[in-house]
Amino acid sequence: MTSLHTKLEGFHTQISKDDVVTKAAKQPQAGDYQQLVHELDEEEYQYIWLMVMEIRNAYAVLYDIILKNFEKLKKPHGETKGMIY
């Protein structure tokens, strides 16, 4: 997954979307620029989708850890003993 992230970042830095959109607006008859804008949008969508999936997985792991240790969180070990001071 990291290699895909690196590829997407490399592609994103090579061609800036604003340059392509400007050229597509100036030359609407050239379908290549419009196709490139569409491809750049698809790449950006895939990048955002990967980030959302990584965040979802991190929260799923956190939820699992909290759920498994819920009793320990409600009643820590130190709470059952009386106060020393």
PDB file of N, CA and C in Angstrom:
ATOM      1  N   MET A   1       0.828  -1.183   0.000  1.00  0.00           N
ATOM      2  CA  MET A   1       0.000   0.000   0.000  1.00  0.00           C
ATOM      3  C   MET A   1       0.875   1.250   0.000  1.00  0.00           C
ATOM      4  N   THR A   2       2.033   1.176   0.646  1.00  0.00           N
ATOM      5  CA  THR A   2       2.923   2.327   0.675  1.00  0.00           C
ATOM      6  C   THR A   2       3.457   2.641  -0.716  1.00  0.00           C
ATOM      7  N   SER A   3       3.732   1.595  -1.493  1.00  0.00           N
ATOM      8  CA  SER A   3       4.241   1.844  -2.843  1.00  0.00           C
ATOM      9  C   SER A   3       3.193   2.550  -3.702  1.00  0.00           C
ATOM     10  N   LEU A   4       1.931   2.175  -3.530  1.00  0.00           N
ATOM     11  CA  LEU A   4       0.870   2.854  -4.264  1.00  0.00           C
ATOM     12  C   LEU A   4       0.781   4.311  -3.848  1.00  0.00           C
ATOM     13  N   HIS A   5       0.923   4.559  -2.562  1.00  0.00           N
ATOM     14  CA  HIS A   5       0.900   5.937  -2.043  1.00  0.00           C
ATOM     15  C   HIS A   5       2.035   6.738  -2.660  1.00  0.00           C
ATOM     16  N   THR A   6       3.222   6.146  -2.754  1.00  0.00           N
ATOM     17  CA  THR A   6       4.379   6.821  -3.340  1.00  0.00           C
ATOM     18  C   THR A   6       4.148   7.096  -4.827  1.00  0.00           C
ATOM     19  N   LYS A   7       3.576   6.122  -5.526  1.00  0.00           N
ATOM     20  CA  LYS A   7       3.299   6.317  -6.950  1.00  0.00           C
ATOM     21  C   LYS A   7       2.314   7.461  -7.161  1.00  0.00           C
ATOM     22  N   LEU A   8       1.276   7.485  -6.337  1.00  0.00           N
ATOM     23  CA  LEU A   8       0.280   8.545  -6.474  1.00  0.00           C
ATOM     24  C   LEU A   8       0.874   9.909  -6.178  1.00  0.00           C
ATOM     25  N   GLU A   9       1.725   9.994  -5.160  1.00  0.00           N
ATOM     26  CA  GLU A   9       2.363  11.275  -4.850  1.00  0.00           C
ATOM     27  C   GLU A   9       3.285  11.707  -5.984  1.00  0.00           C
ATOM     28  N   GLY A  10       4.037  10.764  -6.547  1.00  0.00           N
ATOM     29  CA  GLY A  10       4.933  11.087  -7.648  1.00  0.00           C
ATOM     30  C   GLY A  10       4.177  11.584  -8.859  1.00  0.00           C
ATOM     31  N   PHE A  11       3.082  10.937  -9.176  1.00  0.00           N
ATOM     32  CA  PHE A  11       2.274  11.359 -10.321  1.00  0.00           C
ATOM     33  C   PHE A  11       1.652  12.719 -10.064  1.00  0.00           C
ATOM     34  N   HIS A  12       1.221  12.937  -8.849  1.00  0.00           N
ATOM     35  CA  HIS A  12       0.565  14.201  -8.503  1.00  0.00           C
ATOM     36  C   HIS A  12       1.543  15.367  -8.620  1.00  0.00           C
ATOM     37  N   THR A  13       2.793  15.163  -8.276  1.00  0.00           N
ATOM     38  CA  THR A  13       3.756  16.259  -8.337  1.00  0.00           C
ATOM     39  C   THR A  13       4.233  16.514  -9.765  1.00  0.00           C
ATOM     40  N   GLN A  14       4.161  15.515 -10.642  1.00  0.00           N
ATOM     41  CA  GLN A  14       4.627  15.705 -12.009  1.00  0.00           C
ATOM     42  C   GLN A  14       3.699  16.630 -12.797  1.00  0.00           C
ATOM     43  N   ILE A  15       2.415  16.422 -12.662  1.00  0.00           N
ATOM     44  CA  ILE A  15       1.447  17.185 -13.441  1.00  0.00           C
ATOM     45  C   ILE A  15       0.495  17.866 -12.469  1.00  0.00           C
ATOM     46  N   SER A  16       0.488  19.187 -12.484  1.00  0.00           N
ATOM     47  CA  SER A  16      -0.431  19.883 -11.591  1.00  0.00           C
ATOM     48  C   SER A  16      -1.784  20.011 -12.281  1.00  0.00           C
ATOM     49  N   LYS A  17      -2.814  19.802 -11.500  1.00  0.00           N
ATOM     50  CA  LYS A  17      -4.163  19.795 -12.062  1.00  0.00           C
ATOM     51  C   LYS A  17      -4.572  21.165 -12.582  1.00  0.00           C
ATOM     52  N   ASP A  18      -4.152  22.212 -11.902  1.00  0.00           N
ATOM     53  CA  ASP A  18      -4.569  23.545 -12.347  1.00  0.00           C
ATOM     54  C   ASP A  18      -4.027  23.885 -13.730  1.00  0.00           C
ATOM     55  N   ASP A  19      -2.817  23.424 -14.044  1.00  0.00           N
ATOM     56  CA  ASP A  19      -2.278  23.651 -15.388  1.00  0.00           C
ATOM     57  C   ASP A  19      -3.120  22.937 -16.446  1.00  0.00           C
ATOM     58  N   VAL A  20      -3.494  21.709 -16.137  1.00  0.00           N
ATOM     59  CA  VAL A  20      -4.271  20.927 -17.096  1.00  0.00           C
ATOM     60  C   VAL A  20      -5.669  21.517 -17.267  1.00  0.00           C
ATOM     61  N   VAL A  21      -6.284  21.950 -16.165  1.00  0.00           N
ATOM     62  CA  VAL A  21      -7.617  22.552 -16.249  1.00  0.00           C
ATOM     63  C   VAL A  21      -7.562  23.840 -17.057  1.00  0.00           C
ATOM     64  N   THR A  22      -6.519  24.631 -16.867  1.00  0.00           N
ATOM     65  CA  THR A  22      -6.361  25.867 -17.636  1.00  0.00           C
ATOM     66  C   THR A  22      -6.239  25.562 -19.125  1.00  0.00           C
ATOM     67  N   LYS A  23      -5.426  24.568 -19.460  1.00  0.00           N
ATOM     68  CA  LYS A  23      -5.266  24.208 -20.872  1.00  0.00           C
ATOM     69  C   LYS A  23      -6.561  23.645 -21.447  1.00  0.00           C
ATOM     70  N   ALA A  24      -7.290  22.870 -20.638  1.00  0.00           N
ATOM     71  CA  ALA A  24      -8.563  22.313 -21.111  1.00  0.00           C
ATOM     72  C   ALA A  24      -9.586  23.416 -21.342  1.00  0.00           C
ATOM     73  N   ALA A  25      -9.554  24.459 -20.517  1.00  0.00           N
ATOM     74  CA  ALA A  25     -10.488  25.577 -20.694  1.00  0.00           C
ATOM     75  C   ALA A  25     -10.133  26.398 -21.926  1.00  0.00           C
ATOM     76  N   LYS A  26      -8.834  26.551 -22.176  1.00  0.00           N
ATOM     77  CA  LYS A  26      -8.404  27.337 -23.336  1.00  0.00           C
ATOM     78  C   LYS A  26      -8.629  26.585 -24.645  1.00  0.00           C
ATOM     79  N   GLN A  27      -8.517  25.260 -24.590  1.00  0.00           N
ATOM     80  CA  GLN A  27      -8.657  24.446 -25.796  1.00  0.00           C
ATOM     81  C   GLN A  27      -9.723  23.365 -25.575  1.00  0.00           C
ATOM     82  N   PRO A  28     -10.993  23.749 -25.568  1.00  0.00           N
ATOM     83  CA  PRO A  28     -12.048  22.768 -25.289  1.00  0.00           C
ATOM     84  C   PRO A  28     -12.180  21.688 -26.364  1.00  0.00           C
ATOM     85  N   GLN A  29     -11.679  21.959 -27.568  1.00  0.00           N
ATOM     86  CA  GLN A  29     -11.763  20.962 -28.630  1.00  0.00           C
ATOM     87  C   GLN A  29     -10.778  19.813 -28.410  1.00  0.00           C
ATOM     88  N   ALA A  30      -9.753  20.035 -27.591  1.00  0.00           N
ATOM     89  CA  ALA A  30      -8.766  18.986 -27.322  1.00  0.00           C
ATOM     90  C   ALA A  30      -9.279  18.106 -26.184  1.00  0.00           C
ATOM     91  N   GLY A  31      -9.725  16.930 -26.536  1.00  0.00           N
ATOM     92  CA  GLY A  31     -10.275  16.002 -25.547  1.00  0.00           C
ATOM     93  C   GLY A  31      -9.217  15.391 -24.648  1.00  0.00           C
ATOM     94  N   ASP A  32      -7.952  15.480 -25.073  1.00  0.00           N
ATOM     95  CA  ASP A  32      -6.877  14.897 -24.269  1.00  0.00           C
ATOM     96  C   ASP A  32      -6.764  15.578 -22.910  1.00  0.00           C
ATOM     97  N   TYR A  33      -6.909  16.887 -22.891  1.00  0.00           N
ATOM     98  CA  TYR A  33      -6.808  17.608 -21.623  1.00  0.00           C
ATOM     99  C   TYR A  33      -7.974  17.251 -20.702  1.00  0.00           C
ATOM    100  N   GLN A  34      -9.158  17.135 -21.282  1.00  0.00           N
ATOM    101  CA  GLN A  34     -10.316  16.758 -20.469  1.00  0.00           C
ATOM    102  C   GLN A  34     -10.153  15.344 -19.917  1.00  0.00           C
ATOM    103  N   GLN A  35      -9.608  14.459 -20.724  1.00  0.00           N
ATOM    104  CA  GLN A  35      -9.354  13.089 -20.268  1.00  0.00           C
ATOM    105  C   GLN A  35      -8.308  13.089 -19.154  1.00  0.00           C
ATOM    106  N   LEU A  36      -7.293  13.919 -19.284  1.00  0.00           N
ATOM    107  CA  LEU A  36      -6.259  13.998 -18.257  1.00  0.00           C
ATOM    108  C   LEU A  36      -6.821  14.553 -16.951  1.00  0.00           C
ATOM    109  N   VAL A  37      -7.714  15.538 -17.039  1.00  0.00           N
ATOM    110  CA  VAL A  37      -8.364  16.066 -15.838  1.00  0.00           C
ATOM    111  C   VAL A  37      -9.157  14.955 -15.164  1.00  0.00           C
ATOM    112  N   HIS A  38      -9.871  14.174 -15.950  1.00  0.00           N
ATOM    113  CA  HIS A  38     -10.644  13.058 -15.401  1.00  0.00           C
ATOM    114  C   HIS A  38      -9.720  12.037 -14.727  1.00  0.00           C
ATOM    115  N   GLU A  39      -8.603  11.721 -15.359  1.00  0.00           N
ATOM    116  CA  GLU A  39      -7.655  10.765 -14.783  1.00  0.00           C
ATOM    117  C   GLU A  39      -7.045  11.299 -13.489  1.00  0.00           C
ATOM    118  N   LEU A  40      -6.729  12.593 -13.463  1.00  0.00           N
ATOM    119  CA  LEU A  40      -6.194  13.184 -12.237  1.00  0.00           C
ATOM    120  C   LEU A  40      -7.228  13.138 -11.113  1.00  0.00           C
ATOM    121  N   ASP A  41      -8.491  13.380 -11.455  1.00  0.00           N
ATOM    122  CA  ASP A  41      -9.553  13.291 -10.453  1.00  0.00           C
ATOM    123  C   ASP A  41      -9.685  11.864  -9.922  1.00  0.00           C
ATOM    124  N   GLU A  42      -9.573  10.888 -10.809  1.00  0.00           N
ATOM    125  CA  GLU A  42      -9.642   9.486 -10.382  1.00  0.00           C
ATOM    126  C   GLU A  42      -8.479   9.137  -9.450  1.00  0.00           C
ATOM    127  N   GLU A  43      -7.295   9.599  -9.776  1.00  0.00           N
ATOM    128  CA  GLU A  43      -6.126   9.344  -8.928  1.00  0.00           C
ATOM    129  C   GLU A  43      -6.314   9.967  -7.550  1.00  0.00           C
ATOM    130  N   GLU A  44      -6.825  11.178  -7.518  1.00  0.00           N
ATOM    131  CA  GLU A  44      -7.059  11.861  -6.244  1.00  0.00           C
ATOM    132  C   GLU A  44      -8.126  11.133  -5.433  1.00  0.00           C
ATOM    133  N   TYR A  45      -9.167  10.663  -6.105  1.00  0.00           N
ATOM    134  CA  TYR A  45     -10.216   9.903  -5.426  1.00  0.00           C
ATOM    135  C   TYR A  45      -9.638   8.627  -4.807  1.00  0.00           C
ATOM    136  N   GLN A  46      -8.794   7.920  -5.542  1.00  0.00           N
ATOM    137  CA  GLN A  46      -8.182   6.700  -5.015  1.00  0.00           C
ATOM    138  C   GLN A  46      -7.300   7.004  -3.814  1.00  0.00           C
ATOM    139  N   TYR A  47      -6.565   8.090  -3.878  1.00  0.00           N
ATOM    140  CA  TYR A  47      -5.706   8.487  -2.767  1.00  0.00           C
ATOM    141  C   TYR A  47      -6.547   8.784  -1.523  1.00  0.00           C
ATOM    142  N   ILE A  48      -7.615   9.539  -1.689  1.00  0.00           N
ATOM    143  CA  ILE A  48      -8.487   9.873  -0.556  1.00  0.00           C
ATOM    144  C   ILE A  48      -9.158   8.614  -0.022  1.00  0.00           C
ATOM    145  N   TRP A  49      -9.575   7.722  -0.910  1.00  0.00           N
ATOM    146  CA  TRP A  49     -10.213   6.476  -0.486  1.00  0.00           C
ATOM    147  C   TRP A  49      -9.250   5.640   0.348  1.00  0.00           C
ATOM    148  N   LEU A  50      -7.989   5.564  -0.059  1.00  0.00           N
ATOM    149  CA  LEU A  50      -6.992   4.822   0.718  1.00  0.00           C
ATOM    150  C   LEU A  50      -6.799   5.432   2.103  1.00  0.00           C
ATOM    151  N   MET A  51      -6.764   6.742   2.184  1.00  0.00           N
ATOM    152  CA  MET A  51      -6.603   7.403   3.482  1.00  0.00           C
ATOM    153  C   MET A  51      -7.806   7.136   4.388  1.00  0.00           C
ATOM    154  N   VAL A  52      -9.004   7.169   3.820  1.00  0.00           N
ATOM    155  CA  VAL A  52     -10.209   6.887   4.606  1.00  0.00           C
ATOM    156  C   VAL A  52     -10.183   5.446   5.111  1.00  0.00           C
ATOM    157  N   MET A  53      -9.747   4.515   4.277  1.00  0.00           N
ATOM    158  CA  MET A  53      -9.670   3.114   4.701  1.00  0.00           C
ATOM    159  C   MET A  53      -8.632   2.925   5.808  1.00  0.00           C
ATOM    160  N   GLU A  54      -7.513   3.628   5.728  1.00  0.00           N
ATOM    161  CA  GLU A  54      -6.506   3.542   6.783  1.00  0.00           C
ATOM    162  C   GLU A  54      -7.043   4.093   8.098  1.00  0.00           C
ATOM    163  N   ILE A  55      -7.774   5.201   8.036  1.00  0.00           N
ATOM    164  CA  ILE A  55      -8.376   5.773   9.245  1.00  0.00           C
ATOM    165  C   ILE A  55      -9.415   4.812   9.811  1.00  0.00           C
ATOM    166  N   ARG A  56     -10.229   4.232   8.939  1.00  0.00           N
ATOM    167  CA  ARG A  56     -11.241   3.268   9.389  1.00  0.00           C
ATOM    168  C   ARG A  56     -10.591   2.080  10.085  1.00  0.00           C
ATOM    169  N   ASN A  57      -9.513   1.554   9.516  1.00  0.00           N
ATOM    170  CA  ASN A  57      -8.826   0.416  10.117  1.00  0.00           C
ATOM    171  C   ASN A  57      -8.228   0.777  11.466  1.00  0.00           C
ATOM    172  N   ALA A  58      -7.678   1.965  11.587  1.00  0.00           N
ATOM    173  CA  ALA A  58      -7.104   2.389  12.866  1.00  0.00           C
ATOM    174  C   ALA A  58      -8.189   2.487  13.933  1.00  0.00           C
ATOM    175  N   TYR A  59      -9.342   3.045  13.584  1.00  0.00           N
ATOM    176  CA  TYR A  59     -10.444   3.137  14.541  1.00  0.00           C
ATOM    177  C   TYR A  59     -11.013   1.761  14.879  1.00  0.00           C
ATOM    178  N   ALA A  60     -11.014   0.839  13.932  1.00  0.00           N
ATOM    179  CA  ALA A  60     -11.496  -0.513  14.207  1.00  0.00           C
ATOM    180  C   ALA A  60     -10.581  -1.213  15.208  1.00  0.00           C
ATOM    181  N   VAL A  61      -9.283  -1.039  15.057  1.00  0.00           N
ATOM    182  CA  VAL A  61      -8.330  -1.625  16.004  1.00  0.00           C
ATOM    183  C   VAL A  61      -8.504  -0.992  17.376  1.00  0.00           C
ATOM    184  N   LEU A  62      -8.639   0.316  17.427  1.00  0.00           N
ATOM    185  CA  LEU A  62      -8.840   1.013  18.697  1.00  0.00           C
ATOM    186  C   LEU A  62     -10.127   0.555  19.373  1.00  0.00           C
ATOM    187  N   TYR A  63     -11.199   0.428  18.623  1.00  0.00           N
ATOM    188  CA  TYR A  63     -12.472  -0.035  19.169  1.00  0.00           C
ATOM    189  C   TYR A  63     -12.332  -1.449  19.724  1.00  0.00           C
ATOM    190  N   ASP A  64     -11.636  -2.315  19.002  1.00  0.00           N
ATOM    191  CA  ASP A  64     -11.435  -3.690  19.446  1.00  0.00           C
ATOM    192  C   ASP A  64     -10.654  -3.737  20.756  1.00  0.00           C
ATOM    193  N   ILE A  65      -9.612  -2.932  20.863  1.00  0.00           N
ATOM    194  CA  ILE A  65      -8.809  -2.897  22.089  1.00  0.00           C
ATOM    195  C   ILE A  65      -9.645  -2.395  23.259  1.00  0.00           C
ATOM    196  N   ILE A  66     -10.407  -1.344  23.035  1.00  0.00           N
ATOM    197  CA  ILE A  66     -11.249  -0.797  24.112  1.00  0.00           C
ATOM    198  C   ILE A  66     -12.316  -1.804  24.517  1.00  0.00           C
ATOM    199  N   LEU A  67     -12.931  -2.460  23.551  1.00  0.00           N
ATOM    200  CA  LEU A  67     -13.979  -3.426  23.850  1.00  0.00           C
ATOM    201  C   LEU A  67     -13.436  -4.605  24.651  1.00  0.00           C
ATOM    202  N   LYS A  68     -12.256  -5.091  24.296  1.00  0.00           N
ATOM    203  CA  LYS A  68     -11.660  -6.224  25.006  1.00  0.00           C
ATOM    204  C   LYS A  68     -11.229  -5.852  26.420  1.00  0.00           C
ATOM    205  N   ASN A  69     -10.898  -4.612  26.657  1.00  0.00           N
ATOM    206  CA  ASN A  69     -10.410  -4.180  27.966  1.00  0.00           C
ATOM    207  C   ASN A  69     -11.406  -3.285  28.693  1.00  0.00           C
ATOM    208  N   PHE A  70     -12.675  -3.375  28.344  1.00  0.00           N
ATOM    209  CA  PHE A  70     -13.672  -2.477  28.912  1.00  0.00           C
ATOM    210  C   PHE A  70     -13.808  -2.648  30.421  1.00  0.00           C
ATOM    211  N   GLU A  71     -13.788  -3.886  30.894  1.00  0.00           N
ATOM    212  CA  GLU A  71     -13.906  -4.125  32.340  1.00  0.00           C
ATOM    213  C   GLU A  71     -12.712  -3.548  33.085  1.00  0.00           C
ATOM    214  N   LYS A  72     -11.543  -3.674  32.521  1.00  0.00           N
ATOM    215  CA  LYS A  72     -10.341  -3.110  33.150  1.00  0.00           C
ATOM    216  C   LYS A  72     -10.404  -1.587  33.166  1.00  0.00           C
ATOM    217  N   LEU A  73     -11.013  -1.011  32.166  1.00  0.00           N
ATOM    218  CA  LEU A  73     -11.150   0.440  32.135  1.00  0.00           C
ATOM    219  C   LEU A  73     -12.174   0.920  33.163  1.00  0.00           C
ATOM    220  N   LYS A  74     -13.245   0.149  33.346  1.00  0.00           N
ATOM    221  CA  LYS A  74     -14.263   0.527  34.323  1.00  0.00           C
ATOM    222  C   LYS A  74     -13.761   0.362  35.754  1.00  0.00           C
ATOM    223  N   LYS A  75     -13.029  -0.731  36.015  1.00  0.00           N
ATOM    224  CA  LYS A  75     -12.535  -1.012  37.364  1.00  0.00           C
ATOM    225  C   LYS A  75     -11.037  -1.293  37.304  1.00  0.00           C
ATOM    226  N   PRO A  76     -10.227  -0.271  37.400  1.00  0.00           N
ATOM    227  CA  PRO A  76      -8.775  -0.494  37.406  1.00  0.00           C
ATOM    228  C   PRO A  76      -8.363  -1.271  38.652  1.00  0.00           C
ATOM    229  N   HIS A  77      -7.207  -1.898  38.623  1.00  0.00           N
ATOM    230  CA  HIS A  77      -6.725  -2.717  39.740  1.00  0.00           C
ATOM    231  C   HIS A  77      -6.574  -1.908  41.017  1.00  0.00           C
ATOM    232  N   GLY A  78      -6.120  -0.703  40.948  1.00  0.00           N
ATOM    233  CA  GLY A  78      -5.867   0.112  42.130  1.00  0.00           C
ATOM    234  C   GLY A  78      -7.130   0.542  42.853  1.00  0.00           C
ATOM    235  N   GLU A  79      -8.272   0.445  42.212  1.00  0.00           N
ATOM    236  CA  GLU A  79      -9.508   0.932  42.806  1.00  0.00           C
ATOM    237  C   GLU A  79     -10.061  -0.021  43.865  1.00  0.00           C
ATOM    238  N   THR A  80      -9.754  -1.305  43.799  1.00  0.00           N
ATOM    239  CA  THR A  80     -10.304  -2.272  44.748  1.00  0.00           C
ATOM    240  C   THR A  80      -9.635  -2.183  46.107  1.00  0.00           C
ATOM    241  N   LYS A  81      -8.401  -1.719  46.180  1.00  0.00           N
ATOM    242  CA  LYS A  81      -7.684  -1.590  47.449  1.00  0.00           C
ATOM    243  C   LYS A  81      -8.104  -0.312  48.156  1.00  0.00           C
ATOM    244  N   GLY A  82      -8.023  -0.336  49.470  1.00  0.00           N
ATOM    245  CA  GLY A  82      -8.358   0.853  50.238  1.00  0.00           C
ATOM    246  C   GLY A  82      -7.295   1.918  50.107  1.00  0.00           C
ATOM    247  N   MET A  83      -7.648   3.095  50.477  1.00  0.00           N
ATOM    248  CA  MET A  83      -6.709   4.208  50.419  1.00  0.00           C
ATOM    249  C   MET A  83      -5.639   4.027  51.489  1.00  0.00           C
ATOM    250  N   ILE A  84      -4.397   4.269  51.153  1.00  0.00           N
ATOM    251  CA  ILE A  84      -3.295   4.119  52.104  1.00  0.00           C
ATOM    252  C   ILE A  84      -3.224   5.331  53.013  1.00  0.00           C
ATOM    253  N   TYR A  85      -3.450   6.497  52.501  1.00  0.00           N
ATOM    254  CA  TYR A  85      -3.311   7.709  53.310  1.00  0.00           C
ATOM    255  C   TYR A  85      -4.631   8.247  53.737  1.00  0.00           C
TER     256      TYR A  85
END
